[in-house]
Amino acid sequence: MPMRTRKITLLVASVVAATLLGAAAAVAAPAIDNGWPYASPVKADDNKTYTLAAVGDIACEPDDDDNAANPSALKCGSPSLGGYTAEFATAKQATAMKPDAVALLGDEQYQVGKLSDFEASFEQAWGGLKFLERPAPGNHEYYPYTKKGDNETGQNGSGYFAYFNGHDETGTPNTEGQAGDDTDANQGWYSYNLGNWHIVSLNVECNSAAFKNDCSTTDGGLLSQETQWLANDLKNNQQQCTIAYWHQPTFSATAGSTATVPAAAAGAGGQEGQVADAWWKLLYANHATLVLNGHEHAYARLKPMDPSGAYDPKNGIPEFIIGTGGEALDSLAKNTDGTYANQNVVTGYDQGFGTMKFTLKQHSYSYSYTPALAGPGLGAAALNYSDSGSGNCKG
């Protein structure tokens, strides 16, 4: 799996961004401090309410010349996928929320996230929200895809960074931008603030050439460095309320129990969720408010949990899986009696596509999830679902 060429960012861009942010900081802390000059200055302790839209697993692979050799069942227009209709429906739903920021939870673009795929599919539906989008990458932006007759080379984030951060005339991604840094030392993890809320976007795609296929959080490799960055970021955080998001969930809603691994175990859904157990421990120790994930093409809300997955109503962190952005749907794992295989799942939905709305207040939050479009072959009854509620910050 080849590594892509890295280039150094022009100094001028860094100086301009630093100047703009420095001028804002002299008056008040910026609303979003991810090195991005479009934020409006607000006080960190103001009483403003913010809207955060959140969703992952969004855009189908375009049926174009670049994908001519790929199976039609994997591309926009396949009857088994949500297709353009679904991604336009979720984008319209998110736009109607008038969000202050959009947390994208990975797998923004299928199947391997080439820049041409982003431009021909994701951009068509979600491009109008681009400068509000704060993405995290998913496995489809990093890994090769060799399933169902496909044989595509992994992009190691090159199309993802080129789309969100911009690129030069050869298509080489800029090394800085709204998706975080794209360097050998930082693969797009970053944090930003919305008023009293500190929000962290992480990259868990460690089994890739960009991470040297190293998924250890303690050996000094890239994922280990990211984990140390997270520890420092949380230690230095001055905000009361914290959200963290990445792609593969630590605790699964679609993986059933096996003879050796219970459905509620950390990492039951895959390797990346297992290694993110270290992040959960850091977030728990620092009294984080929420964890958001995608990857599983369904919606699920899980009970407040400690790092082992045990229900902890006092100090636990609720996990939201919101993988219903439009590409396809998975089935929630259930026992023969109809209960959820993971007993920590409070409610779930796998019959349609939709985006989550979080309303972030000074010391609390509320959430509202409703579907925007029924799944392939399903009727209007599939839209008869909603989930809403509220909670308080623990920081």
Protein backbone atom coordinates (compact mmCIF):
# COMPACT_ATOMS: atom_id res chain seq x y z
CA MET A 1 0.00 0.00 0.00
CA PRO A 2 1.97 3.06 -1.17
CA MET A 3 2.46 6.16 0.92
CA ARG A 4 1.49 9.38 -0.76
CA THR A 5 3.88 12.28 -1.17
CA ARG A 6 3.82 14.95 1.50
CA LYS A 7 4.50 18.60 0.81
CA ILE A 8 5.20 21.58 3.05
CA THR A 9 2.45 24.19 3.45
CA LEU A 10 3.23 27.71 2.27
CA LEU A 11 4.32 29.86 5.19
CA VAL A 12 2.12 32.70 4.01
CA ALA A 13 -1.08 30.74 4.72
CA SER A 14 0.03 29.96 8.27
CA VAL A 15 0.99 33.56 8.95
CA VAL A 16 -2.33 34.89 7.65
CA ALA A 17 -4.35 32.41 9.72
CA ALA A 18 -2.28 33.14 12.84
CA THR A 19 -2.73 36.87 12.34
CA LEU A 20 -6.49 36.56 11.98
CA LEU A 21 -6.86 34.32 15.01
CA GLY A 22 -4.47 36.41 17.06
CA ALA A 23 -6.51 39.53 16.39
CA ALA A 24 -9.69 37.74 17.44
CA ALA A 25 -8.10 36.31 20.58
CA ALA A 26 -7.11 39.81 21.69
CA VAL A 27 -10.82 40.60 22.02
CA ALA A 28 -12.40 37.25 22.90
CA ALA A 29 -11.93 33.54 22.35
CA PRO A 30 -13.07 32.42 18.87
CA ALA A 31 -16.11 30.18 18.57
CA ILE A 32 -14.14 27.62 16.56
CA ASP A 33 -10.38 27.58 17.13
CA ASN A 34 -9.17 24.99 14.64
CA GLY A 35 -6.85 27.37 12.78
CA TRP A 36 -9.76 28.47 10.61
CA PRO A 37 -10.33 32.18 9.94
CA TYR A 38 -14.10 32.14 9.48
CA ALA A 39 -15.06 31.92 13.16
CA SER A 40 -16.92 34.78 14.83
CA PRO A 41 -15.51 35.87 18.22
CA VAL A 42 -17.62 34.88 21.24
CA LYS A 43 -16.88 34.56 24.92
CA ALA A 44 -16.29 31.01 26.09
CA ASP A 45 -18.76 31.49 28.95
CA ASP A 46 -21.51 33.18 26.96
CA ASN A 47 -25.07 31.96 27.21
CA LYS A 48 -25.55 31.30 23.51
CA THR A 49 -27.10 28.02 22.41
CA TYR A 50 -25.30 26.20 19.59
CA THR A 51 -26.60 23.65 17.11
CA LEU A 52 -24.35 20.76 16.14
CA ALA A 53 -25.48 18.44 13.34
CA ALA A 54 -23.84 15.01 13.38
CA VAL A 55 -23.81 12.05 10.99
CA GLY A 56 -21.48 9.68 9.16
CA ASP A 57 -21.46 7.12 6.32
CA ILE A 58 -22.84 9.43 3.68
CA ALA A 59 -22.05 9.47 -0.03
CA CYS A 60 -22.36 6.66 -2.57
CA GLU A 61 -19.60 5.99 -5.08
CA PRO A 62 -20.37 7.90 -8.30
CA ASP A 63 -21.05 5.90 -11.43
CA ASP A 64 -18.50 7.69 -13.62
CA ASP A 65 -15.49 6.94 -15.81
CA ASP A 66 -13.13 6.78 -12.81
CA ASN A 67 -15.19 3.91 -11.42
CA ALA A 68 -16.09 2.17 -14.68
CA ALA A 69 -14.39 -1.07 -13.63
CA ASN A 70 -16.21 -1.29 -10.29
CA PRO A 71 -19.36 -3.38 -9.74
CA SER A 72 -22.61 -1.46 -10.29
CA ALA A 73 -24.01 -2.83 -7.02
CA LEU A 74 -21.49 -0.64 -5.14
CA LYS A 75 -22.29 2.61 -6.92
CA CYS A 76 -24.90 5.35 -6.89
CA GLY A 77 -27.99 3.98 -8.59
CA SER A 78 -27.81 0.54 -7.00
CA PRO A 79 -31.25 -0.42 -5.64
CA SER A 80 -29.69 -1.72 -2.43
CA LEU A 81 -28.07 1.62 -1.55
CA GLY A 82 -29.48 4.94 -0.42
CA GLY A 83 -27.80 6.67 -3.35
CA TYR A 84 -27.98 10.32 -4.26
CA THR A 85 -31.58 10.56 -3.01
CA ALA A 86 -30.55 9.60 0.52
CA GLU A 87 -27.50 11.84 0.78
CA PHE A 88 -29.49 14.80 -0.56
CA ALA A 89 -32.24 14.05 1.98
CA THR A 90 -29.86 14.01 4.96
CA ALA A 91 -28.04 17.12 3.72
CA LYS A 92 -31.37 18.95 3.41
CA GLN A 93 -32.29 17.85 6.92
CA ALA A 94 -28.97 19.10 8.30
CA THR A 95 -29.26 22.41 6.45
CA ALA A 96 -32.72 22.99 7.93
CA MET A 97 -31.16 22.80 11.40
CA LYS A 98 -29.08 25.93 10.58
CA PRO A 99 -26.15 24.40 12.43
CA ASP A 100 -23.20 26.25 13.88
CA ALA A 101 -21.03 23.25 13.02
CA VAL A 102 -21.43 19.83 11.38
CA ALA A 103 -19.61 16.86 12.92
CA LEU A 104 -18.94 14.32 10.16
CA LEU A 105 -18.30 10.90 11.68
CA GLY A 106 -16.26 9.22 8.94
CA ASP A 107 -16.89 7.39 5.66
CA GLU A 108 -18.01 10.65 4.13
CA GLN A 109 -17.33 9.15 0.68
CA TYR A 110 -17.44 5.55 -0.61
CA GLN A 111 -15.78 3.24 -1.59
CA VAL A 112 -12.21 4.52 -1.11
CA GLY A 113 -12.75 8.28 -0.98
CA LYS A 114 -10.91 9.40 -4.11
CA LEU A 115 -10.92 13.17 -4.65
CA SER A 116 -12.93 12.67 -7.86
CA ASP A 117 -15.49 10.67 -5.84
CA PHE A 118 -15.83 13.45 -3.27
CA GLU A 119 -16.32 16.00 -6.04
CA ALA A 120 -18.87 13.94 -7.96
CA SER A 121 -20.95 12.68 -5.02
CA PHE A 122 -20.43 14.14 -1.52
CA GLU A 123 -19.96 17.66 -2.86
CA GLN A 124 -23.22 17.53 -4.80
CA ALA A 125 -25.32 17.02 -1.67
CA TRP A 126 -23.23 18.26 1.27
CA GLY A 127 -21.07 20.89 -0.41
CA GLY A 128 -23.34 23.74 0.70
CA LEU A 129 -22.35 23.05 4.33
CA LYS A 130 -18.65 22.61 3.60
CA PHE A 131 -17.27 25.48 5.66
CA LEU A 132 -19.27 24.36 8.70
CA GLU A 133 -18.13 20.74 8.39
CA ARG A 134 -15.66 19.38 10.93
CA PRO A 135 -14.88 15.88 9.65
CA ALA A 136 -13.27 12.76 11.03
CA PRO A 137 -12.06 10.14 8.53
CA GLY A 138 -13.37 6.59 8.26
CA ASN A 139 -12.03 3.30 6.97
CA HIS A 140 -13.31 4.05 3.47
CA GLU A 141 -11.09 7.12 3.31
CA TYR A 142 -7.98 5.09 4.24
CA TYR A 143 -8.23 1.39 3.48
CA PRO A 144 -8.44 -0.50 0.18
CA TYR A 145 -11.79 -1.94 -0.81
CA THR A 146 -11.71 -5.46 -2.22
CA LYS A 147 -15.19 -6.75 -1.43
CA LYS A 148 -18.06 -7.77 -3.70
CA GLY A 149 -15.92 -7.89 -6.84
CA ASP A 150 -14.27 -4.52 -6.27
CA ASN A 151 -10.49 -4.02 -6.21
CA GLU A 152 -9.63 -0.44 -5.28
CA THR A 153 -6.40 0.79 -3.76
CA GLY A 154 -6.55 2.51 -0.38
CA GLN A 155 -6.13 6.28 -0.51
CA ASN A 156 -4.62 6.78 2.98
CA GLY A 157 -6.74 9.90 3.36
CA SER A 158 -5.42 11.67 0.26
CA GLY A 159 -8.84 12.32 -1.31
CA TYR A 160 -10.33 13.21 2.08
CA PHE A 161 -7.68 15.81 2.87
CA ALA A 162 -7.60 17.14 -0.69
CA TYR A 163 -11.36 17.76 -0.55
CA PHE A 164 -11.65 19.29 2.92
CA ASN A 165 -8.26 21.06 3.12
CA GLY A 166 -7.84 21.94 -0.54
CA HIS A 167 -4.97 20.91 -2.80
CA ASP A 168 -2.44 22.18 -5.30
CA GLU A 169 -2.74 21.94 -9.08
CA THR A 170 -1.47 18.34 -9.03
CA GLY A 171 -4.09 17.24 -6.51
CA THR A 172 -1.63 17.01 -3.61
CA PRO A 173 -3.51 17.87 -0.38
CA ASN A 174 -2.66 20.96 1.61
CA THR A 175 -1.06 20.02 4.91
CA GLU A 176 -3.38 22.26 6.97
CA GLY A 177 -7.10 22.98 6.89
CA GLN A 178 -10.46 22.27 8.41
CA ALA A 179 -9.84 18.49 8.49
CA GLY A 180 -6.75 19.04 10.63
CA ASP A 181 -3.13 18.50 9.64
CA ASP A 182 -2.15 16.07 6.90
CA THR A 183 1.45 15.26 7.78
CA ASP A 184 3.54 12.27 8.73
CA ALA A 185 3.21 13.36 12.36
CA ASN A 186 -0.52 14.17 12.45
CA GLN A 187 -3.24 12.50 10.43
CA GLY A 188 -6.10 14.90 10.98
CA TRP A 189 -6.90 14.91 14.69
CA TYR A 190 -7.89 18.27 16.13
CA SER A 191 -10.22 20.02 18.54
CA TYR A 192 -12.43 23.11 18.48
CA ASN A 193 -14.77 25.03 20.77
CA LEU A 194 -18.41 26.04 20.51
CA GLY A 195 -19.04 28.36 23.43
CA ASN A 196 -18.74 26.27 26.60
CA TRP A 197 -18.28 23.06 24.59
CA HIS A 198 -14.94 21.49 23.70
CA ILE A 199 -15.20 19.14 20.73
CA VAL A 200 -12.53 16.64 19.63
CA SER A 201 -12.26 14.92 16.23
CA LEU A 202 -10.05 11.81 16.13
CA ASN A 203 -8.64 9.47 13.48
CA VAL A 204 -8.79 5.77 14.39
CA GLU A 205 -7.79 4.35 10.96
CA CYS A 206 -4.59 2.85 12.33
CA ASN A 207 -4.37 -0.27 10.17
CA SER A 208 -3.21 1.80 7.20
CA ALA A 209 0.08 2.72 5.58
CA ALA A 210 -0.26 6.26 6.90
CA PHE A 211 -0.10 4.79 10.45
CA LYS A 212 2.45 2.15 9.37
CA ASN A 213 -0.23 -0.44 10.16
CA ASP A 214 0.43 0.14 13.84
CA CYS A 215 -2.62 0.09 16.12
CA SER A 216 -0.81 0.30 19.44
CA THR A 217 -1.71 3.26 21.65
CA THR A 218 1.44 2.91 23.78
CA ASP A 219 4.48 2.06 21.59
CA GLY A 220 5.41 5.55 20.39
CA GLY A 221 3.90 5.08 16.92
CA LEU A 222 1.47 7.48 15.27
CA LEU A 223 -1.64 6.22 17.08
CA SER A 224 0.29 6.36 20.35
CA GLN A 225 1.22 9.97 19.57
CA GLU A 226 -2.42 10.76 18.83
CA THR A 227 -3.44 9.22 22.14
CA GLN A 228 -0.87 11.35 23.97
CA TRP A 229 -2.14 14.41 22.09
CA LEU A 230 -5.67 13.59 23.28
CA ALA A 231 -4.46 13.27 26.86
CA ASN A 232 -2.81 16.70 26.66
CA ASP A 233 -5.78 18.26 24.88
CA LEU A 234 -8.17 17.07 27.58
CA LYS A 235 -5.78 18.11 30.35
CA ASN A 236 -5.55 21.65 28.94
CA ASN A 237 -9.25 21.96 28.16
CA GLN A 238 -10.93 24.80 30.04
CA GLN A 239 -14.49 24.12 28.85
CA GLN A 240 -17.02 22.34 31.07
CA CYS A 241 -18.64 20.22 28.35
CA THR A 242 -16.75 17.83 26.04
CA ILE A 243 -17.73 15.81 22.97
CA ALA A 244 -15.37 13.41 21.20
CA TYR A 245 -16.01 11.67 17.90
CA TRP A 246 -14.31 9.17 15.63
CA HIS A 247 -15.50 6.57 13.15
CA GLN A 248 -15.54 2.97 14.48
CA PRO A 249 -17.43 2.76 17.79
CA THR A 250 -15.84 1.26 20.89
CA PHE A 251 -19.20 -0.25 21.83
CA SER A 252 -21.25 -1.80 19.02
CA ALA A 253 -24.96 -1.88 18.26
CA THR A 254 -24.74 -4.20 15.23
CA ALA A 255 -22.33 -6.89 16.48
CA GLY A 256 -23.99 -9.88 18.15
CA SER A 257 -22.49 -11.96 20.96
CA THR A 258 -20.18 -14.86 20.11
CA ALA A 259 -18.89 -17.72 22.19
CA THR A 260 -15.88 -15.63 23.26
CA VAL A 261 -16.90 -11.98 22.85
CA PRO A 262 -20.11 -10.55 24.30
CA ALA A 263 -21.92 -7.92 22.26
CA ALA A 264 -21.35 -5.31 24.98
CA ALA A 265 -17.56 -5.79 25.06
CA ALA A 266 -15.27 -2.94 24.06
CA GLY A 267 -14.27 -3.49 20.44
CA ALA A 268 -16.89 -6.13 19.73
CA GLY A 269 -17.51 -4.45 16.36
CA GLY A 270 -13.89 -4.43 15.18
CA GLN A 271 -10.22 -3.75 15.84
CA GLU A 272 -10.38 0.03 15.65
CA GLY A 273 -13.14 0.22 18.23
CA GLN A 274 -11.03 -1.95 20.49
CA VAL A 275 -7.95 0.26 20.29
CA ALA A 276 -10.15 3.33 20.91
CA ASP A 277 -10.79 1.83 24.34
CA ALA A 278 -7.73 3.85 25.43
CA TRP A 279 -9.47 7.03 24.32
CA TRP A 280 -12.60 6.09 26.22
CA LYS A 281 -10.53 5.75 29.40
CA LEU A 282 -9.07 9.24 28.91
CA LEU A 283 -12.47 10.75 28.16
CA TYR A 284 -14.03 9.04 31.17
CA ALA A 285 -11.25 10.26 33.47
CA ASN A 286 -11.77 13.80 32.16
CA HIS A 287 -15.57 13.73 32.60
CA ALA A 288 -16.48 13.93 28.90
CA THR A 289 -20.13 14.49 28.11
CA LEU A 290 -20.71 12.53 24.87
CA VAL A 291 -19.01 10.15 22.42
CA LEU A 292 -20.23 10.07 18.80
CA ASN A 293 -19.41 7.42 16.17
CA GLY A 294 -20.45 6.19 12.75
CA HIS A 295 -19.32 3.07 10.82
CA GLU A 296 -22.35 1.00 11.72
CA HIS A 297 -25.04 2.01 9.23
CA ALA A 298 -27.77 2.47 11.80
CA TYR A 299 -28.77 4.82 14.59
CA ALA A 300 -28.33 3.79 18.21
CA ARG A 301 -28.21 5.51 21.58
CA LEU A 302 -26.35 3.66 24.31
CA LYS A 303 -26.54 4.08 28.07
CA PRO A 304 -23.90 6.07 29.97
CA MET A 305 -20.99 3.63 30.27
CA ASP A 306 -17.62 3.34 31.95
CA PRO A 307 -14.58 2.23 29.88
CA SER A 308 -15.42 -1.46 30.41
CA GLY A 309 -18.90 -0.99 28.97
CA ALA A 310 -20.65 -1.26 32.32
CA TYR A 311 -23.68 0.95 32.88
CA ASP A 312 -22.62 3.95 34.96
CA PRO A 313 -25.49 6.42 35.37
CA LYS A 314 -23.46 8.87 37.48
CA ASN A 315 -20.12 9.16 35.66
CA GLY A 316 -20.61 7.17 32.45
CA ILE A 317 -20.51 8.59 28.91
CA PRO A 318 -23.47 8.05 26.56
CA GLU A 319 -22.45 6.83 23.10
CA PHE A 320 -24.40 7.77 19.98
CA ILE A 321 -23.92 5.80 16.76
CA ILE A 322 -25.14 7.87 13.81
CA GLY A 323 -24.13 6.01 10.64
CA THR A 324 -27.28 6.87 8.70
CA GLY A 325 -25.94 9.56 6.36
CA GLY A 326 -27.19 7.92 3.18
CA GLU A 327 -24.89 5.26 1.72
CA ALA A 328 -26.50 2.05 3.01
CA LEU A 329 -28.11 0.45 6.06
CA ASP A 330 -27.03 -2.30 8.45
CA SER A 331 -29.18 -4.32 10.84
CA LEU A 332 -29.09 -3.80 14.58
CA ALA A 333 -28.02 -6.95 16.42
CA LYS A 334 -30.85 -8.52 18.42
CA ASN A 335 -31.43 -11.63 20.46
CA THR A 336 -34.08 -14.18 19.53
CA ASP A 337 -36.54 -12.52 21.91
CA GLY A 338 -36.15 -9.19 20.12
CA THR A 339 -34.00 -7.48 22.76
CA TYR A 340 -30.77 -5.82 21.71
CA ALA A 341 -27.68 -8.06 21.71
CA ASN A 342 -25.80 -5.26 23.45
CA GLN A 343 -27.91 -4.63 26.54
CA ASN A 344 -26.55 -1.08 26.75
CA VAL A 345 -28.44 -0.06 23.60
CA VAL A 346 -31.40 2.00 24.77
CA THR A 347 -32.96 2.52 21.37
CA GLY A 348 -32.00 1.99 17.77
CA TYR A 349 -33.19 2.48 14.21
CA ASP A 350 -32.09 0.70 11.02
CA GLN A 351 -34.97 1.40 8.65
CA GLY A 352 -33.93 4.74 7.18
CA PHE A 353 -31.48 7.61 6.87
CA GLY A 354 -31.21 10.67 9.08
CA THR A 355 -29.01 13.26 10.81
CA MET A 356 -28.77 14.00 14.53
CA LYS A 357 -29.41 17.47 15.94
CA PHE A 358 -27.63 18.37 19.17
CA THR A 359 -28.57 21.60 20.93
CA LEU A 360 -25.63 22.64 23.07
CA LYS A 361 -26.44 24.90 26.00
CA GLN A 362 -24.07 26.40 28.55
CA HIS A 363 -24.15 23.44 30.95
CA SER A 364 -26.44 20.94 29.25
CA TYR A 365 -27.58 19.54 25.92
CA SER A 366 -30.59 18.12 24.15
CA TYR A 367 -30.75 15.80 21.15
CA SER A 368 -33.31 14.99 18.48
CA TYR A 369 -33.14 12.28 15.82
CA THR A 370 -35.77 11.74 13.14
CA PRO A 371 -35.35 9.95 9.81
CA ALA A 372 -35.22 11.98 6.62
CA LEU A 373 -35.82 9.09 4.18
CA ALA A 374 -36.93 5.47 4.44
CA GLY A 375 -34.46 2.77 3.46
CA PRO A 376 -34.45 1.02 0.08
CA GLY A 377 -37.71 -0.82 -0.56
CA LEU A 378 -39.33 0.39 2.67
CA GLY A 379 -42.57 2.34 2.87
CA ALA A 380 -43.69 5.38 4.81
CA ALA A 381 -44.12 3.33 7.99
CA ALA A 382 -40.33 3.15 8.21
CA LEU A 383 -40.34 6.87 9.02
CA ASN A 384 -42.35 6.37 12.22
CA TYR A 385 -39.39 6.69 14.55
CA SER A 386 -37.90 9.43 16.67
CA ASP A 387 -35.57 9.74 19.61
CA SER A 388 -35.06 12.82 21.75
CA GLY A 389 -33.90 13.73 25.21
CA SER A 390 -31.47 15.81 27.21
CA GLY A 391 -28.55 15.61 29.60
CA ASN A 392 -26.09 17.64 31.64
CA CYS A 393 -22.36 18.23 31.43
CA LYS A 394 -20.17 16.60 34.07
CA GLY A 395 -16.98 18.62 33.67
